[in-house]
Amino acid sequence: MYGANPEQLASLGRSLKQQITSIEGVMNAVTSALGGTNWVGPARDQFEGDWNTSFRTALSKLNQAFEAAGSDCIARSTDLQRVMGAR
């Protein structure tokens, strides 16, 4: 088969977009835990620096990718359904 099942494609798109909430939860949980932890020293400075630059940036990019891919799947599903006469 070449192509996609429109319902499955739409479901995939929704699933991808739902991951954004999970990733935002991780980002908020770590930021909150770090802010509420009494920890001083070079290890904290290193982790906090990495968290605020590399890690949060990577997670934000992942969220952007999930948003874009999810939206694309949903749009393609809608287009397929239209072409197939389902809508």
N, C-alpha and C. Protein backbone atom coordinates (compact mmCIF):
# COMPACT_ATOMS: atom_id res chain seq x y z
N MET A 1 0.84 -1.18 0.00
CA MET A 1 0.00 0.00 0.00
C MET A 1 0.88 1.24 0.00
N TYR A 2 0.53 2.16 -0.81
CA TYR A 2 1.21 3.45 -0.85
C TYR A 2 0.19 4.49 -0.41
N GLY A 3 0.49 5.25 0.60
CA GLY A 3 -0.46 6.22 1.12
C GLY A 3 -0.65 6.01 2.61
N ALA A 4 -1.83 6.36 3.10
CA ALA A 4 -2.08 6.24 4.53
C ALA A 4 -3.56 6.07 4.78
N ASN A 5 -3.86 5.46 5.92
CA ASN A 5 -5.23 5.37 6.39
C ASN A 5 -5.54 6.71 7.06
N PRO A 6 -6.52 7.45 6.56
CA PRO A 6 -6.78 8.80 7.08
C PRO A 6 -7.08 8.83 8.58
N GLU A 7 -7.85 7.86 9.06
CA GLU A 7 -8.18 7.85 10.49
C GLU A 7 -6.95 7.60 11.35
N GLN A 8 -6.10 6.66 10.91
CA GLN A 8 -4.88 6.37 11.65
C GLN A 8 -3.92 7.56 11.60
N LEU A 9 -3.86 8.21 10.46
CA LEU A 9 -2.99 9.37 10.31
C LEU A 9 -3.44 10.51 11.23
N ALA A 10 -4.74 10.75 11.31
CA ALA A 10 -5.27 11.77 12.20
C ALA A 10 -4.99 11.41 13.66
N SER A 11 -5.14 10.13 13.99
CA SER A 11 -4.86 9.66 15.35
C SER A 11 -3.39 9.87 15.70
N LEU A 12 -2.51 9.57 14.77
CA LEU A 12 -1.08 9.80 14.97
C LEU A 12 -0.82 11.28 15.22
N GLY A 13 -1.44 12.13 14.42
CA GLY A 13 -1.26 13.57 14.60
C GLY A 13 -1.69 14.04 15.98
N ARG A 14 -2.84 13.55 16.42
CA ARG A 14 -3.32 13.93 17.76
C ARG A 14 -2.38 13.41 18.84
N SER A 15 -1.90 12.19 18.66
CA SER A 15 -0.98 11.60 19.63
C SER A 15 0.32 12.40 19.73
N LEU A 16 0.84 12.79 18.59
CA LEU A 16 2.07 13.60 18.60
C LEU A 16 1.85 14.92 19.33
N LYS A 17 0.73 15.55 19.05
CA LYS A 17 0.45 16.84 19.68
C LYS A 17 0.20 16.70 21.19
N GLN A 18 -0.31 15.55 21.63
CA GLN A 18 -0.54 15.33 23.05
C GLN A 18 0.78 15.22 23.82
N GLN A 19 1.84 14.82 23.13
CA GLN A 19 3.14 14.69 23.80
C GLN A 19 3.68 16.04 24.27
N ILE A 20 3.22 17.10 23.65
CA ILE A 20 3.67 18.44 24.02
C ILE A 20 3.37 18.71 25.49
N THR A 21 2.19 18.33 25.93
CA THR A 21 1.81 18.54 27.33
C THR A 21 2.73 17.76 28.26
N SER A 22 3.08 16.55 27.90
CA SER A 22 3.99 15.74 28.72
C SER A 22 5.36 16.39 28.83
N ILE A 23 5.86 16.85 27.71
CA ILE A 23 7.19 17.47 27.71
C ILE A 23 7.18 18.77 28.50
N GLU A 24 6.13 19.56 28.34
CA GLU A 24 6.01 20.78 29.13
C GLU A 24 5.96 20.45 30.61
N GLY A 25 5.29 19.35 30.96
CA GLY A 25 5.24 18.92 32.35
C GLY A 25 6.62 18.59 32.90
N VAL A 26 7.42 17.90 32.10
CA VAL A 26 8.79 17.58 32.51
C VAL A 26 9.60 18.86 32.70
N MET A 27 9.48 19.76 31.75
CA MET A 27 10.23 21.02 31.85
C MET A 27 9.83 21.80 33.10
N ASN A 28 8.54 21.89 33.37
CA ASN A 28 8.07 22.62 34.55
C ASN A 28 8.48 21.93 35.84
N ALA A 29 8.39 20.60 35.86
CA ALA A 29 8.74 19.85 37.07
C ALA A 29 10.23 20.02 37.41
N VAL A 30 11.08 19.90 36.41
CA VAL A 30 12.53 20.03 36.67
C VAL A 30 12.87 21.46 37.08
N THR A 31 12.31 22.44 36.38
CA THR A 31 12.57 23.84 36.73
C THR A 31 12.12 24.14 38.15
N SER A 32 10.94 23.67 38.51
CA SER A 32 10.41 23.89 39.85
C SER A 32 11.25 23.18 40.91
N ALA A 33 11.59 21.92 40.66
CA ALA A 33 12.40 21.16 41.61
C ALA A 33 13.78 21.78 41.79
N LEU A 34 14.37 22.21 40.70
CA LEU A 34 15.68 22.84 40.78
C LEU A 34 15.61 24.15 41.57
N GLY A 35 14.58 24.92 41.30
CA GLY A 35 14.42 26.19 42.02
C GLY A 35 14.16 26.01 43.51
N GLY A 36 13.55 24.88 43.88
CA GLY A 36 13.22 24.63 45.28
C GLY A 36 14.24 23.78 46.01
N THR A 37 15.35 23.50 45.39
CA THR A 37 16.37 22.65 46.00
C THR A 37 17.52 23.49 46.52
N ASN A 38 17.82 23.30 47.81
CA ASN A 38 18.95 23.98 48.43
C ASN A 38 20.20 23.23 48.02
N TRP A 39 20.86 23.75 47.02
CA TRP A 39 22.03 23.09 46.45
C TRP A 39 22.93 24.18 45.91
N VAL A 40 24.13 24.26 46.45
CA VAL A 40 25.07 25.29 46.06
C VAL A 40 26.39 24.63 45.69
N GLY A 41 26.98 25.11 44.62
CA GLY A 41 28.28 24.60 44.24
C GLY A 41 28.42 24.45 42.74
N PRO A 42 29.60 24.06 42.32
CA PRO A 42 29.88 23.97 40.89
C PRO A 42 29.03 22.91 40.17
N ALA A 43 28.67 21.84 40.86
CA ALA A 43 27.85 20.82 40.20
C ALA A 43 26.47 21.38 39.88
N ARG A 44 25.91 22.14 40.81
CA ARG A 44 24.60 22.76 40.54
C ARG A 44 24.74 23.77 39.42
N ASP A 45 25.77 24.59 39.51
CA ASP A 45 25.98 25.61 38.46
C ASP A 45 26.07 24.95 37.09
N GLN A 46 26.79 23.84 37.02
CA GLN A 46 26.94 23.12 35.75
C GLN A 46 25.59 22.58 35.27
N PHE A 47 24.87 21.90 36.18
CA PHE A 47 23.59 21.34 35.78
C PHE A 47 22.60 22.44 35.41
N GLU A 48 22.52 23.47 36.22
CA GLU A 48 21.58 24.56 35.95
C GLU A 48 21.90 25.25 34.63
N GLY A 49 23.18 25.44 34.37
CA GLY A 49 23.58 26.02 33.10
C GLY A 49 23.19 25.14 31.92
N ASP A 50 23.46 23.84 32.05
CA ASP A 50 23.07 22.89 31.00
C ASP A 50 21.55 22.84 30.85
N TRP A 51 20.84 22.83 31.97
CA TRP A 51 19.39 22.77 31.93
C TRP A 51 18.81 23.99 31.21
N ASN A 52 19.29 25.15 31.56
CA ASN A 52 18.74 26.39 31.00
C ASN A 52 19.16 26.65 29.57
N THR A 53 20.17 25.96 29.11
CA THR A 53 20.61 26.17 27.72
C THR A 53 20.32 24.93 26.89
N SER A 54 21.12 23.92 27.05
CA SER A 54 21.02 22.73 26.19
C SER A 54 19.73 21.95 26.37
N PHE A 55 19.42 21.55 27.60
CA PHE A 55 18.31 20.62 27.82
C PHE A 55 16.96 21.26 27.51
N ARG A 56 16.71 22.43 28.05
CA ARG A 56 15.42 23.09 27.79
C ARG A 56 15.27 23.44 26.31
N THR A 57 16.36 23.84 25.69
CA THR A 57 16.33 24.14 24.26
C THR A 57 15.98 22.89 23.46
N ALA A 58 16.59 21.77 23.80
CA ALA A 58 16.31 20.51 23.10
C ALA A 58 14.86 20.10 23.29
N LEU A 59 14.35 20.22 24.50
CA LEU A 59 12.96 19.85 24.74
C LEU A 59 12.00 20.80 24.03
N SER A 60 12.32 22.07 23.97
CA SER A 60 11.50 23.03 23.23
C SER A 60 11.48 22.70 21.74
N LYS A 61 12.62 22.33 21.21
CA LYS A 61 12.68 21.93 19.80
C LYS A 61 11.89 20.66 19.55
N LEU A 62 11.92 19.74 20.49
CA LEU A 62 11.14 18.52 20.37
C LEU A 62 9.65 18.86 20.35
N ASN A 63 9.23 19.77 21.21
CA ASN A 63 7.83 20.21 21.21
C ASN A 63 7.46 20.84 19.87
N GLN A 64 8.32 21.64 19.32
CA GLN A 64 8.05 22.26 18.02
C GLN A 64 7.92 21.20 16.94
N ALA A 65 8.77 20.17 17.01
CA ALA A 65 8.71 19.09 16.03
C ALA A 65 7.42 18.30 16.17
N PHE A 66 7.00 18.01 17.40
CA PHE A 66 5.73 17.31 17.62
C PHE A 66 4.56 18.14 17.12
N GLU A 67 4.59 19.42 17.36
CA GLU A 67 3.51 20.31 16.90
C GLU A 67 3.44 20.30 15.37
N ALA A 68 4.58 20.48 14.73
CA ALA A 68 4.61 20.53 13.26
C ALA A 68 4.20 19.19 12.65
N ALA A 69 4.75 18.10 13.16
CA ALA A 69 4.43 16.78 12.62
C ALA A 69 2.97 16.42 12.89
N GLY A 70 2.49 16.73 14.08
CA GLY A 70 1.10 16.45 14.40
C GLY A 70 0.15 17.22 13.51
N SER A 71 0.41 18.49 13.33
CA SER A 71 -0.43 19.32 12.46
C SER A 71 -0.39 18.82 11.03
N ASP A 72 0.79 18.42 10.57
CA ASP A 72 0.93 17.91 9.20
C ASP A 72 0.14 16.62 9.01
N CYS A 73 0.22 15.72 9.98
CA CYS A 73 -0.54 14.47 9.89
C CYS A 73 -2.05 14.75 9.82
N ILE A 74 -2.52 15.64 10.67
CA ILE A 74 -3.95 15.96 10.70
C ILE A 74 -4.37 16.60 9.38
N ALA A 75 -3.56 17.53 8.88
CA ALA A 75 -3.90 18.18 7.61
C ALA A 75 -3.90 17.18 6.45
N ARG A 76 -2.94 16.27 6.43
CA ARG A 76 -2.89 15.26 5.37
C ARG A 76 -4.09 14.32 5.48
N SER A 77 -4.47 13.98 6.69
CA SER A 77 -5.64 13.14 6.89
C SER A 77 -6.90 13.82 6.33
N THR A 78 -7.04 15.08 6.64
CA THR A 78 -8.19 15.84 6.14
C THR A 78 -8.19 15.88 4.61
N ASP A 79 -7.02 16.11 4.04
CA ASP A 79 -6.91 16.15 2.57
C ASP A 79 -7.25 14.79 1.96
N LEU A 80 -6.75 13.72 2.58
CA LEU A 80 -7.03 12.37 2.07
C LEU A 80 -8.53 12.08 2.13
N GLN A 81 -9.15 12.44 3.23
CA GLN A 81 -10.58 12.19 3.37
C GLN A 81 -11.36 12.99 2.31
N ARG A 82 -10.93 14.19 2.05
CA ARG A 82 -11.60 15.01 1.04
C ARG A 82 -11.45 14.38 -0.34
N VAL A 83 -10.24 13.93 -0.67
CA VAL A 83 -9.97 13.32 -1.97
C VAL A 83 -10.73 12.00 -2.11
N MET A 84 -10.84 11.27 -1.02
CA MET A 84 -11.51 9.97 -1.05
C MET A 84 -13.04 10.12 -1.00
N GLY A 85 -13.50 11.36 -0.83
CA GLY A 85 -14.94 11.60 -0.83
C GLY A 85 -15.60 11.39 0.50
N ALA A 86 -14.81 11.29 1.56
CA ALA A 86 -15.39 11.07 2.88
C ALA A 86 -15.95 12.36 3.47
N ARG A 87 -15.53 13.49 2.94
CA ARG A 87 -16.00 14.79 3.47
C ARG A 87 -16.46 15.67 2.35
